[in-house]
Protein backbone atom coordinates (compact mmCIF):
# COMPACT_ATOMS: atom_id res chain seq x y z
CA MET A 1 -8.68 -5.97 -9.24
CA GLY A 2 -7.50 -3.98 -12.25
CA TYR A 3 -9.26 -1.03 -13.81
CA GLN A 4 -8.72 0.99 -16.92
CA VAL A 5 -10.20 4.25 -18.15
CA MET A 6 -8.97 6.57 -20.86
CA GLY A 7 -5.65 7.97 -19.68
CA ALA A 8 -5.33 5.87 -16.49
CA SER A 9 -5.12 2.32 -15.27
CA GLY A 10 -4.07 0.55 -12.10
CA TYR A 11 -5.25 -1.57 -9.24
CA LEU A 12 -7.99 -1.00 -6.72
CA CYS A 13 -7.30 -1.29 -3.00
CA THR A 14 -9.77 -2.58 -0.49
CA PRO A 15 -10.00 -2.17 3.30
CA ASP A 16 -10.25 -5.98 3.40
CA LEU A 17 -6.49 -6.35 2.80
CA PRO A 18 -4.33 -7.12 5.87
CA TRP A 19 -3.32 -3.53 6.69
CA GLY A 20 -2.09 -4.34 10.20
CA ASP A 21 -2.47 -1.35 12.54
CA MET A 22 -2.87 1.15 9.69
CA ASP A 23 -6.12 3.15 9.57
CA VAL A 24 -6.82 2.98 5.84
CA ALA A 25 -9.99 5.04 6.09
CA SER A 26 -7.95 8.13 7.02
CA CYS A 27 -6.15 7.85 3.66
CA LEU A 28 -9.47 8.45 1.89
CA VAL A 29 -9.78 11.88 3.49
CA ARG A 30 -6.40 12.89 2.05
CA ALA A 31 -6.88 11.21 -1.34
CA VAL A 32 -6.39 13.16 -4.53
CA ASN A 33 -9.65 13.27 -6.49
CA ALA A 34 -9.56 13.32 -10.30
CA HIS A 35 -12.45 13.23 -12.77
CA ASP A 36 -12.59 12.08 -16.36
CA PRO A 37 -14.68 14.06 -18.90
CA ALA A 38 -17.71 11.87 -18.22
CA GLY A 39 -17.53 12.67 -14.50
CA PHE A 40 -16.13 9.34 -13.32
CA ALA A 41 -14.20 10.02 -10.08
CA ILE A 42 -10.90 8.34 -9.27
CA LEU A 43 -9.34 8.67 -5.81
CA TYR A 44 -5.56 8.40 -5.64
CA ALA A 45 -3.66 7.85 -2.39
CA ASP A 46 -1.02 10.51 -1.88
CA LEU A 47 2.61 9.37 -2.07
CA ASP A 48 3.23 9.24 1.69
CA ASP A 49 0.07 7.19 2.26
CA LEU A 50 0.92 4.88 -0.62
CA ILE A 51 4.37 4.21 0.84
CA LEU A 52 2.84 3.60 4.28
CA MET A 53 0.25 1.25 2.76
CA ARG A 54 2.96 -0.78 1.00
CA ARG A 55 5.02 -1.03 4.19
CA SER A 56 1.94 -1.97 6.25
CA LEU A 57 1.17 -4.92 3.99
CA GLY A 58 4.66 -6.18 4.77
CA ARG A 59 5.21 -8.55 1.87
CA PRO A 60 8.70 -8.50 0.30
CA LYS A 61 7.29 -7.19 -3.00
CA ASP A 62 5.50 -4.36 -1.14
CA HIS A 63 8.69 -3.35 0.67
CA ARG A 64 10.55 -3.29 -2.67
CA ARG A 65 7.84 -1.10 -4.19
CA ALA A 66 7.85 1.23 -1.16
CA ASN A 67 11.61 1.67 -1.60
CA GLU A 68 11.03 2.56 -5.27
CA LEU A 69 8.34 5.07 -4.30
CA GLU A 70 10.60 6.72 -1.70
CA VAL A 71 12.75 8.00 -4.58
CA LEU A 72 9.76 9.98 -5.92
CA ARG A 73 9.51 12.11 -2.77
CA PRO A 74 10.50 15.75 -3.41
């Protein structure tokens, strides 16, 4: 499901995806929380969690994206 607000857009994740053994709920605790001027909150998975999420899904396109994200690590 796509979303778009002023200054940001992307895709929403759901716990209903096949995450394998990954505990997705724990990612919510570590999520980065941003607010737009109207107070709308957006939670972003941190980079390590995002990479783990991509690898947990296991599809070839997710592994490719995880490899791309690895380059962004400091």
